[in-house]
PDB file of N, CA and C in Angstrom:
ATOM      1  N   UNK A   1     -25.270   2.562   5.272  1.00  0.00           N
ATOM      2  CA  UNK A   1     -24.086   3.270   4.883  1.00  0.00           C
ATOM      3  C   UNK A   1     -23.993   4.548   5.717  1.00  0.00           C
ATOM      4  N   UNK A   2     -22.823   4.789   6.271  1.00  0.00           N
ATOM      5  CA  UNK A   2     -22.651   5.969   7.118  1.00  0.00           C
ATOM      6  C   UNK A   2     -22.554   7.240   6.272  1.00  0.00           C
ATOM      7  N   UNK A   3     -22.690   8.394   6.929  1.00  0.00           N
ATOM      8  CA  UNK A   3     -22.561   9.679   6.239  1.00  0.00           C
ATOM      9  C   UNK A   3     -21.181   9.813   5.604  1.00  0.00           C
ATOM     10  N   UNK A   4     -20.175   9.311   6.315  1.00  0.00           N
ATOM     11  CA  UNK A   4     -18.800   9.359   5.824  1.00  0.00           C
ATOM     12  C   UNK A   4     -18.700   8.605   4.498  1.00  0.00           C
ATOM     13  N   UNK A   5     -19.267   7.412   4.451  1.00  0.00           N
ATOM     14  CA  UNK A   5     -19.226   6.597   3.227  1.00  0.00           C
ATOM     15  C   UNK A   5     -20.021   7.246   2.096  1.00  0.00           C
ATOM     16  N   UNK A   6     -21.165   7.822   2.432  1.00  0.00           N
ATOM     17  CA  UNK A   6     -21.997   8.452   1.405  1.00  0.00           C
ATOM     18  C   UNK A   6     -21.299   9.649   0.776  1.00  0.00           C
ATOM     19  N   UNK A   7     -20.482  10.357   1.554  1.00  0.00           N
ATOM     20  CA  UNK A   7     -19.758  11.498   1.008  1.00  0.00           C
ATOM     21  C   UNK A   7     -18.647  11.050   0.062  1.00  0.00           C
ATOM     22  N   UNK A   8     -18.157   9.825   0.224  1.00  0.00           N
ATOM     23  CA  UNK A   8     -17.092   9.318  -0.645  1.00  0.00           C
ATOM     24  C   UNK A   8     -17.623   8.723  -1.947  1.00  0.00           C
ATOM     25  N   UNK A   9     -18.912   8.434  -2.036  1.00  0.00           N
ATOM     26  CA  UNK A   9     -19.474   7.786  -3.225  1.00  0.00           C
ATOM     27  C   UNK A   9     -19.241   8.602  -4.498  1.00  0.00           C
ATOM     28  N   UNK A  10     -19.532   9.917  -4.527  1.00  0.00           N
ATOM     29  CA  UNK A  10     -19.270  10.667  -5.766  1.00  0.00           C
ATOM     30  C   UNK A  10     -17.780  10.683  -6.131  1.00  0.00           C
ATOM     31  N   UNK A  11     -16.928  10.811  -5.128  1.00  0.00           N
ATOM     32  CA  UNK A  11     -15.487  10.794  -5.388  1.00  0.00           C
ATOM     33  C   UNK A  11     -15.074   9.452  -5.966  1.00  0.00           C
ATOM     34  N   UNK A  12     -15.607   8.383  -5.423  1.00  0.00           N
ATOM     35  CA  UNK A  12     -15.276   7.051  -5.924  1.00  0.00           C
ATOM     36  C   UNK A  12     -15.752   6.874  -7.364  1.00  0.00           C
ATOM     37  N   UNK A  13     -16.910   7.399  -7.680  1.00  0.00           N
ATOM     38  CA  UNK A  13     -17.410   7.308  -9.062  1.00  0.00           C
ATOM     39  C   UNK A  13     -16.511   8.083 -10.020  1.00  0.00           C
ATOM     40  N   UNK A  14     -16.161   9.305  -9.639  1.00  0.00           N
ATOM     41  CA  UNK A  14     -15.283  10.115 -10.487  1.00  0.00           C
ATOM     42  C   UNK A  14     -13.920   9.453 -10.635  1.00  0.00           C
ATOM     43  N   UNK A  15     -13.448   8.898  -9.548  1.00  0.00           N
ATOM     44  CA  UNK A  15     -12.155   8.219  -9.576  1.00  0.00           C
ATOM     45  C   UNK A  15     -12.201   7.003 -10.493  1.00  0.00           C
ATOM     46  N   UNK A  16     -13.272   6.245 -10.414  1.00  0.00           N
ATOM     47  CA  UNK A  16     -13.426   5.089 -11.297  1.00  0.00           C
ATOM     48  C   UNK A  16     -13.445   5.488 -12.756  1.00  0.00           C
ATOM     49  N   UNK A  17     -14.150   6.567 -13.061  1.00  0.00           N
ATOM     50  CA  UNK A  17     -14.195   7.061 -14.439  1.00  0.00           C
ATOM     51  C   UNK A  17     -12.812   7.506 -14.897  1.00  0.00           C
ATOM     52  N   UNK A  18     -12.109   8.244 -14.049  1.00  0.00           N
ATOM     53  CA  UNK A  18     -10.762   8.696 -14.388  1.00  0.00           C
ATOM     54  C   UNK A  18      -9.828   7.518 -14.643  1.00  0.00           C
ATOM     55  N   UNK A  19      -9.852   6.529 -13.771  1.00  0.00           N
ATOM     56  CA  UNK A  19      -8.973   5.374 -13.932  1.00  0.00           C
ATOM     57  C   UNK A  19      -9.327   4.568 -15.183  1.00  0.00           C
ATOM     58  N   UNK A  20     -10.610   4.421 -15.451  1.00  0.00           N
ATOM     59  CA  UNK A  20     -11.030   3.666 -16.636  1.00  0.00           C
ATOM     60  C   UNK A  20     -10.563   4.368 -17.905  1.00  0.00           C
ATOM     61  N   UNK A  21     -10.867   5.662 -18.025  1.00  0.00           N
ATOM     62  CA  UNK A  21     -10.470   6.405 -19.222  1.00  0.00           C
ATOM     63  C   UNK A  21      -8.960   6.558 -19.303  1.00  0.00           C
ATOM     64  N   UNK A  22      -8.311   6.772 -18.178  1.00  0.00           N
ATOM     65  CA  UNK A  22      -6.850   6.883 -18.171  1.00  0.00           C
ATOM     66  C   UNK A  22      -6.181   5.610 -18.647  1.00  0.00           C
ATOM     67  N   UNK A  23      -6.731   4.475 -18.247  1.00  0.00           N
ATOM     68  CA  UNK A  23      -6.187   3.194 -18.695  1.00  0.00           C
ATOM     69  C   UNK A  23      -6.373   3.022 -20.195  1.00  0.00           C
ATOM     70  N   UNK A  24      -7.540   3.381 -20.696  1.00  0.00           N
ATOM     71  CA  UNK A  24      -7.777   3.256 -22.143  1.00  0.00           C
ATOM     72  C   UNK A  24      -6.872   4.187 -22.938  1.00  0.00           C
ATOM     73  N   UNK A  25      -6.665   5.408 -22.447  1.00  0.00           N
ATOM     74  CA  UNK A  25      -5.775   6.348 -23.146  1.00  0.00           C
ATOM     75  C   UNK A  25      -4.340   5.822 -23.135  1.00  0.00           C
ATOM     76  N   UNK A  26      -3.887   5.339 -21.981  1.00  0.00           N
ATOM     77  CA  UNK A  26      -2.532   4.797 -21.884  1.00  0.00           C
ATOM     78  C   UNK A  26      -2.373   3.585 -22.806  1.00  0.00           C
ATOM     79  N   UNK A  27      -3.378   2.732 -22.839  1.00  0.00           N
ATOM     80  CA  UNK A  27      -3.341   1.567 -23.718  1.00  0.00           C
ATOM     81  C   UNK A  27      -3.294   1.982 -25.183  1.00  0.00           C
ATOM     82  N   UNK A  28      -4.108   2.967 -25.551  1.00  0.00           N
ATOM     83  CA  UNK A  28      -4.132   3.438 -26.939  1.00  0.00           C
ATOM     84  C   UNK A  28      -2.787   4.044 -27.328  1.00  0.00           C
ATOM     85  N   UNK A  29      -2.209   4.851 -26.453  1.00  0.00           N
ATOM     86  CA  UNK A  29      -0.899   5.436 -26.747  1.00  0.00           C
ATOM     87  C   UNK A  29       0.165   4.358 -26.941  1.00  0.00           C
ATOM     88  N   UNK A  30       0.158   3.374 -26.073  1.00  0.00           N
ATOM     89  CA  UNK A  30       1.132   2.295 -26.167  1.00  0.00           C
ATOM     90  C   UNK A  30       0.934   1.497 -27.458  1.00  0.00           C
ATOM     91  N   UNK A  31      -0.312   1.214 -27.810  1.00  0.00           N
ATOM     92  CA  UNK A  31      -0.592   0.454 -29.035  1.00  0.00           C
ATOM     93  C   UNK A  31      -0.206   1.245 -30.287  1.00  0.00           C
ATOM     94  N   UNK A  32      -0.557   2.523 -30.328  1.00  0.00           N
ATOM     95  CA  UNK A  32      -0.208   3.354 -31.492  1.00  0.00           C
ATOM     96  C   UNK A  32       1.306   3.474 -31.613  1.00  0.00           C
ATOM     97  N   UNK A  33       1.971   3.695 -30.498  1.00  0.00           N
ATOM     98  CA  UNK A  33       3.429   3.786 -30.518  1.00  0.00           C
ATOM     99  C   UNK A  33       4.075   2.503 -30.989  1.00  0.00           C
ATOM    100  N   UNK A  34       3.537   1.377 -30.557  1.00  0.00           N
ATOM    101  CA  UNK A  34       4.065   0.083 -31.000  1.00  0.00           C
ATOM    102  C   UNK A  34       3.858  -0.098 -32.495  1.00  0.00           C
ATOM    103  N   UNK A  35       2.685   0.277 -32.986  1.00  0.00           N
ATOM    104  CA  UNK A  35       2.411   0.182 -34.424  1.00  0.00           C
ATOM    105  C   UNK A  35       3.377   1.074 -35.210  1.00  0.00           C
ATOM    106  N   UNK A  36       3.639   2.278 -34.718  1.00  0.00           N
ATOM    107  CA  UNK A  36       4.592   3.171 -35.384  1.00  0.00           C
ATOM    108  C   UNK A  36       5.992   2.572 -35.407  1.00  0.00           C
ATOM    109  N   UNK A  37       6.379   1.925 -34.320  1.00  0.00           N
ATOM    110  CA  UNK A  37       7.692   1.301 -34.269  1.00  0.00           C
ATOM    111  C   UNK A  37       7.832   0.169 -35.286  1.00  0.00           C
ATOM    112  N   UNK A  38       6.732  -0.485 -35.609  1.00  0.00           N
ATOM    113  CA  UNK A  38       6.780  -1.578 -36.586  1.00  0.00           C
ATOM    114  C   UNK A  38       7.020  -1.077 -38.003  1.00  0.00           C
ATOM    115  N   UNK A  39       6.653   0.174 -38.276  1.00  0.00           N
ATOM    116  CA  UNK A  39       6.775   0.686 -39.647  1.00  0.00           C
ATOM    117  C   UNK A  39       7.894   1.711 -39.819  1.00  0.00           C
ATOM    118  N   UNK A  40       8.608   2.043 -38.775  1.00  0.00           N
ATOM    119  CA  UNK A  40       9.668   3.043 -38.891  1.00  0.00           C
ATOM    120  C   UNK A  40      10.984   2.478 -38.399  1.00  0.00           C
ATOM    121  N   UNK A  41      12.027   3.206 -38.683  1.00  0.00           N
ATOM    122  CA  UNK A  41      13.330   2.807 -38.181  1.00  0.00           C
ATOM    123  C   UNK A  41      13.351   2.973 -36.669  1.00  0.00           C
ATOM    124  N   UNK A  42      13.979   2.033 -36.019  1.00  0.00           N
ATOM    125  CA  UNK A  42      14.026   2.099 -34.558  1.00  0.00           C
ATOM    126  C   UNK A  42      15.146   3.028 -34.112  1.00  0.00           C
ATOM    127  N   UNK A  43      14.794   3.969 -33.294  1.00  0.00           N
ATOM    128  CA  UNK A  43      15.768   4.836 -32.636  1.00  0.00           C
ATOM    129  C   UNK A  43      15.107   5.407 -31.390  1.00  0.00           C
ATOM    130  N   UNK A  44      15.923   5.939 -30.514  1.00  0.00           N
ATOM    131  CA  UNK A  44      15.368   6.476 -29.264  1.00  0.00           C
ATOM    132  C   UNK A  44      14.571   7.749 -29.475  1.00  0.00           C
ATOM    133  N   UNK A  45      14.749   8.399 -30.622  1.00  0.00           N
ATOM    134  CA  UNK A  45      14.018   9.638 -30.885  1.00  0.00           C
ATOM    135  C   UNK A  45      12.888   9.442 -31.884  1.00  0.00           C
ATOM    136  N   UNK A  46      12.640   8.210 -32.295  1.00  0.00           N
ATOM    137  CA  UNK A  46      11.566   7.943 -33.251  1.00  0.00           C
ATOM    138  C   UNK A  46      10.219   8.276 -32.620  1.00  0.00           C
ATOM    139  N   UNK A  47       9.272   8.774 -33.431  1.00  0.00           N
ATOM    140  CA  UNK A  47       7.947   9.102 -32.877  1.00  0.00           C
ATOM    141  C   UNK A  47       7.290   7.931 -32.150  1.00  0.00           C
ATOM    142  N   UNK A  48       7.463   6.728 -32.647  1.00  0.00           N
ATOM    143  CA  UNK A  48       6.863   5.563 -31.983  1.00  0.00           C
ATOM    144  C   UNK A  48       7.390   5.357 -30.580  1.00  0.00           C
ATOM    145  N   UNK A  49       8.692   5.570 -30.412  1.00  0.00           N
ATOM    146  CA  UNK A  49       9.304   5.425 -29.095  1.00  0.00           C
ATOM    147  C   UNK A  49       8.745   6.460 -28.126  1.00  0.00           C
ATOM    148  N   UNK A  50       8.587   7.675 -28.619  1.00  0.00           N
ATOM    149  CA  UNK A  50       8.048   8.746 -27.780  1.00  0.00           C
ATOM    150  C   UNK A  50       6.612   8.439 -27.363  1.00  0.00           C
ATOM    151  N   UNK A  51       5.807   7.953 -28.307  1.00  0.00           N
ATOM    152  CA  UNK A  51       4.395   7.660 -28.007  1.00  0.00           C
ATOM    153  C   UNK A  51       4.288   6.490 -27.031  1.00  0.00           C
ATOM    154  N   UNK A  52       5.105   5.447 -27.219  1.00  0.00           N
ATOM    155  CA  UNK A  52       5.096   4.321 -26.272  1.00  0.00           C
ATOM    156  C   UNK A  52       5.501   4.804 -24.886  1.00  0.00           C
ATOM    157  N   UNK A  53       6.513   5.658 -24.819  1.00  0.00           N
ATOM    158  CA  UNK A  53       6.961   6.192 -23.533  1.00  0.00           C
ATOM    159  C   UNK A  53       5.849   6.982 -22.846  1.00  0.00           C
ATOM    160  N   UNK A  54       5.119   7.783 -23.617  1.00  0.00           N
ATOM    161  CA  UNK A  54       3.986   8.525 -23.044  1.00  0.00           C
ATOM    162  C   UNK A  54       2.917   7.572 -22.509  1.00  0.00           C
ATOM    163  N   UNK A  55       2.628   6.513 -23.255  1.00  0.00           N
ATOM    164  CA  UNK A  55       1.638   5.533 -22.806  1.00  0.00           C
ATOM    165  C   UNK A  55       2.055   4.856 -21.515  1.00  0.00           C
ATOM    166  N   UNK A  56       3.330   4.453 -21.446  1.00  0.00           N
ATOM    167  CA  UNK A  56       3.814   3.804 -20.228  1.00  0.00           C
ATOM    168  C   UNK A  56       3.834   4.784 -19.057  1.00  0.00           C
ATOM    169  N   UNK A  57       4.193   6.033 -19.329  1.00  0.00           N
ATOM    170  CA  UNK A  57       4.175   7.048 -18.272  1.00  0.00           C
ATOM    171  C   UNK A  57       2.754   7.253 -17.746  1.00  0.00           C
ATOM    172  N   UNK A  58       1.771   7.219 -18.645  1.00  0.00           N
ATOM    173  CA  UNK A  58       0.376   7.367 -18.220  1.00  0.00           C
ATOM    174  C   UNK A  58      -0.028   6.218 -17.292  1.00  0.00           C
ATOM    175  N   UNK A  59       0.428   4.996 -17.608  1.00  0.00           N
ATOM    176  CA  UNK A  59       0.133   3.857 -16.730  1.00  0.00           C
ATOM    177  C   UNK A  59       0.743   4.064 -15.339  1.00  0.00           C
ATOM    178  N   UNK A  60       1.920   4.653 -15.286  1.00  0.00           N
ATOM    179  CA  UNK A  60       2.606   4.867 -14.010  1.00  0.00           C
ATOM    180  C   UNK A  60       1.938   5.987 -13.205  1.00  0.00           C
ATOM    181  N   UNK A  61       1.469   7.027 -13.881  1.00  0.00           N
ATOM    182  CA  UNK A  61       0.899   8.194 -13.209  1.00  0.00           C
ATOM    183  C   UNK A  61      -0.498   7.909 -12.633  1.00  0.00           C
ATOM    184  N   UNK A  62      -1.223   6.974 -13.212  1.00  0.00           N
ATOM    185  CA  UNK A  62      -2.598   6.708 -12.757  1.00  0.00           C
ATOM    186  C   UNK A  62      -2.703   6.363 -11.265  1.00  0.00           C
ATOM    187  N   UNK A  63      -1.885   5.443 -10.745  1.00  0.00           N
ATOM    188  CA  UNK A  63      -2.010   5.143  -9.308  1.00  0.00           C
ATOM    189  C   UNK A  63      -1.671   6.346  -8.413  1.00  0.00           C
ATOM    190  N   UNK A  64      -0.674   7.133  -8.809  1.00  0.00           N
ATOM    191  CA  UNK A  64      -0.323   8.314  -8.020  1.00  0.00           C
ATOM    192  C   UNK A  64      -1.464   9.330  -8.047  1.00  0.00           C
ATOM    193  N   UNK A  65      -2.106   9.457  -9.194  1.00  0.00           N
ATOM    194  CA  UNK A  65      -3.253  10.359  -9.307  1.00  0.00           C
ATOM    195  C   UNK A  65      -4.376   9.898  -8.383  1.00  0.00           C
ATOM    196  N   UNK A  66      -4.580   8.606  -8.331  1.00  0.00           N
ATOM    197  CA  UNK A  66      -5.608   8.055  -7.435  1.00  0.00           C
ATOM    198  C   UNK A  66      -5.309   8.422  -5.992  1.00  0.00           C
ATOM    199  N   UNK A  67      -4.048   8.282  -5.601  1.00  0.00           N
ATOM    200  CA  UNK A  67      -3.667   8.626  -4.234  1.00  0.00           C
ATOM    201  C   UNK A  67      -3.911  10.104  -3.943  1.00  0.00           C
ATOM    202  N   UNK A  68      -3.579  10.966  -4.881  1.00  0.00           N
ATOM    203  CA  UNK A  68      -3.777  12.403  -4.679  1.00  0.00           C
ATOM    204  C   UNK A  68      -5.263  12.760  -4.564  1.00  0.00           C
ATOM    205  N   UNK A  69      -6.079  12.133  -5.389  1.00  0.00           N
ATOM    206  CA  UNK A  69      -7.522  12.397  -5.319  1.00  0.00           C
ATOM    207  C   UNK A  69      -8.100  11.909  -3.993  1.00  0.00           C
ATOM    208  N   UNK A  70      -7.680  10.741  -3.561  1.00  0.00           N
ATOM    209  CA  UNK A  70      -8.182  10.232  -2.289  1.00  0.00           C
ATOM    210  C   UNK A  70      -7.676  11.071  -1.118  1.00  0.00           C
ATOM    211  N   UNK A  71      -6.433  11.553  -1.204  1.00  0.00           N
ATOM    212  CA  UNK A  71      -5.924  12.447  -0.169  1.00  0.00           C
ATOM    213  C   UNK A  71      -6.808  13.682  -0.066  1.00  0.00           C
ATOM    214  N   UNK A  72      -7.141  14.271  -1.202  1.00  0.00           N
ATOM    215  CA  UNK A  72      -8.009  15.450  -1.227  1.00  0.00           C
ATOM    216  C   UNK A  72      -9.372  15.125  -0.586  1.00  0.00           C
ATOM    217  N   UNK A  73      -9.920  13.948  -0.922  1.00  0.00           N
ATOM    218  CA  UNK A  73     -11.223  13.571  -0.363  1.00  0.00           C
ATOM    219  C   UNK A  73     -11.145  13.396   1.153  1.00  0.00           C
ATOM    220  N   UNK A  74     -10.071  12.773   1.636  1.00  0.00           N
ATOM    221  CA  UNK A  74      -9.934  12.560   3.079  1.00  0.00           C
ATOM    222  C   UNK A  74      -9.701  13.872   3.819  1.00  0.00           C
ATOM    223  N   UNK A  75      -8.953  14.788   3.210  1.00  0.00           N
ATOM    224  CA  UNK A  75      -8.755  16.105   3.823  1.00  0.00           C
ATOM    225  C   UNK A  75     -10.094  16.820   3.916  1.00  0.00           C
ATOM    226  N   UNK A  76     -10.859  16.758   2.831  1.00  0.00           N
ATOM    227  CA  UNK A  76     -12.167  17.416   2.807  1.00  0.00           C
ATOM    228  C   UNK A  76     -13.100  16.849   3.881  1.00  0.00           C
ATOM    229  N   UNK A  77     -12.998  15.542   4.134  1.00  0.00           N
ATOM    230  CA  UNK A  77     -13.835  14.900   5.153  1.00  0.00           C
ATOM    231  C   UNK A  77     -13.246  15.030   6.565  1.00  0.00           C
ATOM    232  N   UNK A  78     -12.068  15.608   6.649  1.00  0.00           N
ATOM    233  CA  UNK A  78     -11.355  15.762   7.926  1.00  0.00           C
ATOM    234  C   UNK A  78     -11.096  14.408   8.595  1.00  0.00           C
ATOM    235  N   UNK A  79     -10.764  13.416   7.779  1.00  0.00           N
ATOM    236  CA  UNK A  79     -10.458  12.078   8.278  1.00  0.00           C
ATOM    237  C   UNK A  79      -8.938  11.975   8.452  1.00  0.00           C
ATOM    238  N   UNK A  80      -8.481  12.341   9.625  1.00  0.00           N
ATOM    239  CA  UNK A  80      -7.040  12.446   9.878  1.00  0.00           C
ATOM    240  C   UNK A  80      -6.306  11.128   9.709  1.00  0.00           C
ATOM    241  N   UNK A  81      -6.899  10.034  10.151  1.00  0.00           N
ATOM    242  CA  UNK A  81      -6.237   8.734  10.047  1.00  0.00           C
ATOM    243  C   UNK A  81      -5.927   8.404   8.588  1.00  0.00           C
ATOM    244  N   UNK A  82      -6.923   8.548   7.715  1.00  0.00           N
ATOM    245  CA  UNK A  82      -6.702   8.218   6.309  1.00  0.00           C
ATOM    246  C   UNK A  82      -5.824   9.246   5.599  1.00  0.00           C
ATOM    247  N   UNK A  83      -5.842  10.484   6.055  1.00  0.00           N
ATOM    248  CA  UNK A  83      -4.909  11.483   5.516  1.00  0.00           C
ATOM    249  C   UNK A  83      -3.480  11.052   5.826  1.00  0.00           C
ATOM    250  N   UNK A  84      -3.227  10.640   7.054  1.00  0.00           N
ATOM    251  CA  UNK A  84      -1.884  10.209   7.457  1.00  0.00           C
ATOM    252  C   UNK A  84      -1.464   8.964   6.682  1.00  0.00           C
ATOM    253  N   UNK A  85      -2.359   7.988   6.580  1.00  0.00           N
ATOM    254  CA  UNK A  85      -2.035   6.760   5.842  1.00  0.00           C
ATOM    255  C   UNK A  85      -1.728   7.081   4.381  1.00  0.00           C
ATOM    256  N   UNK A  86      -2.538   7.920   3.755  1.00  0.00           N
ATOM    257  CA  UNK A  86      -2.324   8.271   2.353  1.00  0.00           C
ATOM    258  C   UNK A  86      -1.016   9.034   2.177  1.00  0.00           C
ATOM    259  N   UNK A  87      -0.699   9.927   3.097  1.00  0.00           N
ATOM    260  CA  UNK A  87       0.575  10.648   3.023  1.00  0.00           C
ATOM    261  C   UNK A  87       1.765   9.705   3.167  1.00  0.00           C
ATOM    262  N   UNK A  88       1.646   8.710   4.026  1.00  0.00           N
ATOM    263  CA  UNK A  88       2.713   7.716   4.174  1.00  0.00           C
ATOM    264  C   UNK A  88       2.907   6.958   2.864  1.00  0.00           C
ATOM    265  N   UNK A  89       1.812   6.528   2.254  1.00  0.00           N
ATOM    266  CA  UNK A  89       1.905   5.795   0.983  1.00  0.00           C
ATOM    267  C   UNK A  89       2.508   6.683  -0.105  1.00  0.00           C
ATOM    268  N   UNK A  90       2.054   7.939  -0.187  1.00  0.00           N
ATOM    269  CA  UNK A  90       2.634   8.866  -1.161  1.00  0.00           C
ATOM    270  C   UNK A  90       4.126   9.076  -0.904  1.00  0.00           C
ATOM    271  N   UNK A  91       4.514   9.161   0.356  1.00  0.00           N
ATOM    272  CA  UNK A  91       5.929   9.292   0.694  1.00  0.00           C
ATOM    273  C   UNK A  91       6.735   8.083   0.257  1.00  0.00           C
ATOM    274  N   UNK A  92       6.170   6.899   0.445  1.00  0.00           N
ATOM    275  CA  UNK A  92       6.855   5.680  -0.003  1.00  0.00           C
ATOM    276  C   UNK A  92       6.993   5.639  -1.521  1.00  0.00           C
ATOM    277  N   UNK A  93       5.941   6.050  -2.216  1.00  0.00           N
ATOM    278  CA  UNK A  93       6.009   6.092  -3.683  1.00  0.00           C
ATOM    279  C   UNK A  93       7.079   7.079  -4.134  1.00  0.00           C
ATOM    280  N   UNK A  94       7.091   8.262  -3.531  1.00  0.00           N
ATOM    281  CA  UNK A  94       8.087   9.276  -3.883  1.00  0.00           C
ATOM    282  C   UNK A  94       9.496   8.791  -3.582  1.00  0.00           C
ATOM    283  N   UNK A  95       9.683   8.138  -2.441  1.00  0.00           N
ATOM    284  CA  UNK A  95      11.006   7.616  -2.064  1.00  0.00           C
ATOM    285  C   UNK A  95      11.457   6.549  -3.046  1.00  0.00           C
ATOM    286  N   UNK A  96      10.541   5.695  -3.467  1.00  0.00           N
ATOM    287  CA  UNK A  96      10.891   4.639  -4.417  1.00  0.00           C
ATOM    288  C   UNK A  96      11.284   5.236  -5.768  1.00  0.00           C
ATOM    289  N   UNK A  97      10.522   6.213  -6.237  1.00  0.00           N
ATOM    290  CA  UNK A  97      10.847   6.845  -7.508  1.00  0.00           C
ATOM    291  C   UNK A  97      12.194   7.562  -7.416  1.00  0.00           C
ATOM    292  N   UNK A  98      12.431   8.255  -6.324  1.00  0.00           N
ATOM    293  CA  UNK A  98      13.708   8.953  -6.133  1.00  0.00           C
ATOM    294  C   UNK A  98      14.869   7.977  -6.077  1.00  0.00           C
ATOM    295  N   UNK A  99      14.708   6.877  -5.347  1.00  0.00           N
ATOM    296  CA  UNK A  99      15.764   5.889  -5.234  1.00  0.00           C
ATOM    297  C   UNK A  99      16.076   5.268  -6.599  1.00  0.00           C
ATOM    298  N   UNK A 100      15.030   4.961  -7.374  1.00  0.00           N
ATOM    299  CA  UNK A 100      15.246   4.386  -8.711  1.00  0.00           C
ATOM    300  C   UNK A 100      15.970   5.376  -9.621  1.00  0.00           C
ATOM    301  N   UNK A 101      15.617   6.663  -9.493  1.00  0.00           N
ATOM    302  CA  UNK A 101      16.238   7.686 -10.345  1.00  0.00           C
ATOM    303  C   UNK A 101      17.715   7.859 -10.004  1.00  0.00           C
ATOM    304  N   UNK A 102      18.069   7.672  -8.745  1.00  0.00           N
ATOM    305  CA  UNK A 102      19.460   7.851  -8.320  1.00  0.00           C
ATOM    306  C   UNK A 102      20.326   6.660  -8.654  1.00  0.00           C
ATOM    307  N   UNK A 103      19.750   5.520  -8.888  1.00  0.00           N
ATOM    308  CA  UNK A 103      20.554   4.312  -9.169  1.00  0.00           C
ATOM    309  C   UNK A 103      20.974   4.232 -10.585  1.00  0.00           C
TER     310      UNK A 103
END
Protein backbone atom coordinates (compact mmCIF):
# COMPACT_ATOMS: atom_id res chain seq x y z
CA UNK A 1 0.00 0.00 0.00
CA UNK A 2 1.41 3.38 -0.98
CA UNK A 3 1.82 6.32 1.41
CA UNK A 4 -1.02 8.04 -0.42
CA UNK A 5 -3.36 5.11 0.25
CA UNK A 6 -2.28 4.80 3.88
CA UNK A 7 -3.13 8.46 4.48
CA UNK A 8 -6.66 7.85 3.17
CA UNK A 9 -7.35 4.85 5.46
CA UNK A 10 -8.42 6.90 8.54
CA UNK A 11 -10.59 9.14 6.36
CA UNK A 12 -12.20 6.09 4.78
CA UNK A 13 -12.92 4.60 8.21
CA UNK A 14 -14.48 7.83 9.47
CA UNK A 15 -16.44 8.14 6.26
CA UNK A 16 -17.73 4.59 6.59
CA UNK A 17 -18.84 5.25 10.15
CA UNK A 18 -20.57 8.48 9.12
CA UNK A 19 -22.40 6.81 6.23
CA UNK A 20 -23.44 3.83 8.35
CA UNK A 21 -24.81 5.94 11.21
CA UNK A 22 -26.30 8.49 8.82
CA UNK A 23 -28.18 5.74 7.02
CA UNK A 24 -29.53 4.34 10.28
CA UNK A 25 -30.63 7.80 11.46
CA UNK A 26 -32.33 8.51 8.12
CA UNK A 27 -34.02 5.11 8.23
CA UNK A 28 -35.20 5.67 11.81
CA UNK A 29 -36.60 9.11 10.97
CA UNK A 30 -38.44 7.74 7.95
CA UNK A 31 -39.85 4.80 9.95
CA UNK A 32 -40.97 6.98 12.88
CA UNK A 33 -42.54 9.48 10.52
CA UNK A 34 -44.38 6.71 8.70
CA UNK A 35 -45.66 5.31 11.99
CA UNK A 36 -46.88 8.79 12.99
CA UNK A 37 -48.68 9.14 9.68
CA UNK A 38 -50.54 5.89 10.35
CA UNK A 39 -52.01 7.23 13.60
CA UNK A 40 -52.68 10.87 12.72
CA UNK A 41 -54.65 12.80 10.19
CA UNK A 42 -52.79 13.21 6.96
CA UNK A 43 -51.79 16.73 6.06
CA UNK A 44 -48.69 18.43 4.73
CA UNK A 45 -48.02 20.01 8.12
CA UNK A 46 -48.56 16.88 10.21
CA UNK A 47 -45.59 15.91 12.41
CA UNK A 48 -45.29 12.57 10.61
CA UNK A 49 -44.91 14.28 7.26
CA UNK A 50 -42.21 16.54 8.64
CA UNK A 51 -40.29 13.61 10.17
CA UNK A 52 -40.52 11.55 6.95
CA UNK A 53 -39.28 14.57 4.99
CA UNK A 54 -36.31 14.94 7.35
CA UNK A 55 -35.48 11.24 6.94
CA UNK A 56 -35.61 11.45 3.16
CA UNK A 57 -33.53 14.64 3.21
CA UNK A 58 -30.92 12.83 5.31
CA UNK A 59 -30.75 10.07 2.68
CA UNK A 60 -30.17 12.71 -0.01
CA UNK A 61 -27.52 14.64 1.96
CA UNK A 62 -25.36 11.59 2.74
CA UNK A 63 -23.79 11.21 -0.74
CA UNK A 64 -23.07 14.95 -0.96
CA UNK A 65 -21.45 14.81 2.48
CA UNK A 66 -19.28 11.95 1.27
CA UNK A 67 -18.15 14.02 -1.69
CA UNK A 68 -17.28 16.98 0.54
CA UNK A 69 -15.28 14.82 2.94
CA UNK A 70 -13.37 13.19 0.11
CA UNK A 71 -12.72 16.60 -1.46
CA UNK A 72 -11.22 17.75 1.84
CA UNK A 73 -9.06 14.59 2.00
CA UNK A 74 -7.80 15.05 -1.57
CA UNK A 75 -7.01 18.73 -0.96
CA UNK A 76 -5.11 17.77 2.18
CA UNK A 77 -3.12 15.19 0.18
CA UNK A 78 -2.55 17.72 -2.63
CA UNK A 79 -3.97 15.25 -5.15
CA UNK A 80 -4.98 17.69 -7.87
CA UNK A 81 -6.47 15.11 -10.24
CA UNK A 82 -8.93 13.80 -7.64
CA UNK A 83 -9.70 17.33 -6.42
CA UNK A 84 -10.70 18.27 -9.98
CA UNK A 85 -12.73 15.08 -10.48
CA UNK A 86 -14.54 15.57 -7.15
CA UNK A 87 -15.27 19.22 -7.97
CA UNK A 88 -16.72 18.18 -11.33
CA UNK A 89 -18.98 15.62 -9.63
CA UNK A 90 -20.06 18.18 -7.01
CA UNK A 91 -20.79 20.64 -9.81
CA UNK A 92 -22.94 18.07 -11.59
CA UNK A 93 -24.83 17.32 -8.38
CA UNK A 94 -25.40 21.04 -7.76
CA UNK A 95 -26.53 21.58 -11.37
CA UNK A 96 -28.96 18.68 -11.14
CA UNK A 97 -30.45 19.94 -7.87
CA UNK A 98 -30.74 23.46 -9.29
CA UNK A 99 -32.36 22.23 -12.50
CA UNK A 100 -34.88 20.12 -10.55
CA UNK A 101 -35.71 23.10 -8.30
CA UNK A 102 -36.35 25.34 -11.32
CA UNK A 103 -38.70 22.89 -13.04
